[in-house]
């Protein structure tokens, strides 16, 4: 019984690693619209470009639907947890629809 449970666990983890992290659903990359652009780097850093303004942030995917965003400012840092989804190369978060660039 232990061997069967162990085999099921290993196969489940393998399936998740192969299929659960497809690149089309990865948040890593550049996303934007006509007004702004978010860039999510592999190391958890990010850049928000809006006109001539640049804001640096850190992010962490808490799940397939939640992101933790931390912006460091002169007066401290602000952290917010936001919902997100990625479908057909469109990132939807914070009432924004951003296309993959």
Protein backbone atom coordinates (compact mmCIF):
# COMPACT_ATOMS: atom_id res chain seq x y z
CA UNK A 1 0.00 0.00 0.00
CA UNK A 2 2.83 2.41 0.82
CA UNK A 3 4.46 1.71 -2.55
CA UNK A 4 1.22 2.52 -4.39
CA UNK A 5 0.72 5.77 -2.45
CA UNK A 6 4.34 6.73 -3.06
CA UNK A 7 4.01 5.99 -6.79
CA UNK A 8 0.82 8.08 -7.04
CA UNK A 9 2.55 10.97 -5.26
CA UNK A 10 5.59 10.82 -7.56
CA UNK A 11 3.42 10.65 -10.69
CA UNK A 12 1.30 13.57 -9.47
CA UNK A 13 4.37 15.72 -8.82
CA UNK A 14 5.77 14.81 -12.23
CA UNK A 15 2.50 15.75 -13.94
CA UNK A 16 2.40 19.08 -12.10
CA UNK A 17 5.98 19.89 -13.03
CA UNK A 18 5.43 18.99 -16.68
CA UNK A 19 1.99 20.46 -17.28
CA UNK A 20 1.31 22.88 -14.43
CA UNK A 21 3.93 25.43 -15.39
CA UNK A 22 3.42 25.97 -19.07
CA UNK A 23 5.21 29.03 -20.40
CA UNK A 24 2.00 30.49 -21.84
CA UNK A 25 0.61 30.81 -18.29
CA UNK A 26 3.84 32.10 -16.76
CA UNK A 27 3.68 35.69 -15.54
CA UNK A 28 7.36 36.18 -16.38
CA UNK A 29 7.77 38.65 -19.21
CA UNK A 30 6.39 41.98 -20.37
CA UNK A 31 2.69 42.83 -20.23
CA UNK A 32 1.10 46.11 -21.20
CA UNK A 33 -1.49 48.29 -22.83
CA UNK A 34 -1.35 51.76 -24.40
CA UNK A 35 -0.74 53.43 -21.02
CA UNK A 36 1.61 51.18 -19.03
CA UNK A 37 3.88 48.17 -19.06
CA UNK A 38 4.65 45.64 -16.34
CA UNK A 39 7.79 43.53 -16.63
CA UNK A 40 8.01 40.47 -14.36
CA UNK A 41 11.56 39.09 -14.13
CA UNK A 42 12.39 35.46 -13.30
CA UNK A 43 14.09 36.46 -10.01
CA UNK A 44 10.93 37.99 -8.51
CA UNK A 45 11.76 41.61 -9.34
CA UNK A 46 9.51 43.75 -11.47
CA UNK A 47 9.38 47.06 -13.29
CA UNK A 48 6.30 49.20 -13.92
CA UNK A 49 6.70 51.76 -16.70
CA UNK A 50 4.04 54.44 -17.07
CA UNK A 51 5.00 57.32 -19.33
CA UNK A 52 8.34 58.63 -18.08
CA UNK A 53 7.87 57.11 -14.61
CA UNK A 54 9.48 53.85 -13.54
CA UNK A 55 8.48 51.99 -10.38
CA UNK A 56 10.43 48.99 -9.13
CA UNK A 57 8.64 46.22 -7.24
CA UNK A 58 8.99 42.65 -6.07
CA UNK A 59 6.43 39.96 -6.70
CA UNK A 60 5.66 36.44 -5.62
CA UNK A 61 2.97 34.17 -7.04
CA UNK A 62 1.14 32.83 -3.99
CA UNK A 63 -1.05 30.59 -6.14
CA UNK A 64 -2.36 30.36 -9.70
CA UNK A 65 -4.72 33.24 -8.88
CA UNK A 66 -2.94 35.43 -6.30
CA UNK A 67 0.12 37.68 -6.51
CA UNK A 68 1.94 39.40 -3.67
CA UNK A 69 3.29 42.77 -4.87
CA UNK A 70 5.71 44.85 -2.78
CA UNK A 71 6.69 48.38 -3.80
CA UNK A 72 9.63 49.96 -1.98
CA UNK A 73 9.39 53.73 -1.58
CA UNK A 74 11.40 56.40 0.22
CA UNK A 75 8.90 56.37 3.09
CA UNK A 76 8.78 52.59 3.43
CA UNK A 77 7.25 49.74 1.51
CA UNK A 78 3.73 48.81 0.59
CA UNK A 79 2.59 45.23 0.05
CA UNK A 80 -0.65 44.19 -1.56
CA UNK A 81 -2.09 40.82 -2.51
CA UNK A 82 -4.00 40.95 -5.79
CA UNK A 83 -5.98 38.46 -7.82
CA UNK A 84 -4.80 37.69 -11.33
CA UNK A 85 -5.46 35.39 -14.24
CA UNK A 86 -3.74 34.62 -17.52
CA UNK A 87 -5.73 33.43 -20.50
CA UNK A 88 -4.93 33.67 -24.22
CA UNK A 89 -1.84 35.81 -23.49
CA UNK A 90 -3.93 38.36 -21.55
CA UNK A 91 -3.01 39.13 -17.93
CA UNK A 92 -6.01 40.37 -15.99
CA UNK A 93 -5.32 42.01 -12.62
CA UNK A 94 -6.35 45.11 -10.68
CA UNK A 95 -9.12 45.90 -13.23
CA UNK A 96 -6.50 45.89 -16.01
CA UNK A 97 -6.20 43.74 -19.12
CA UNK A 98 -2.59 43.57 -20.26
CA UNK A 99 -1.36 41.84 -23.41
CA UNK A 100 1.83 39.82 -23.47
CA UNK A 101 4.51 41.73 -25.39
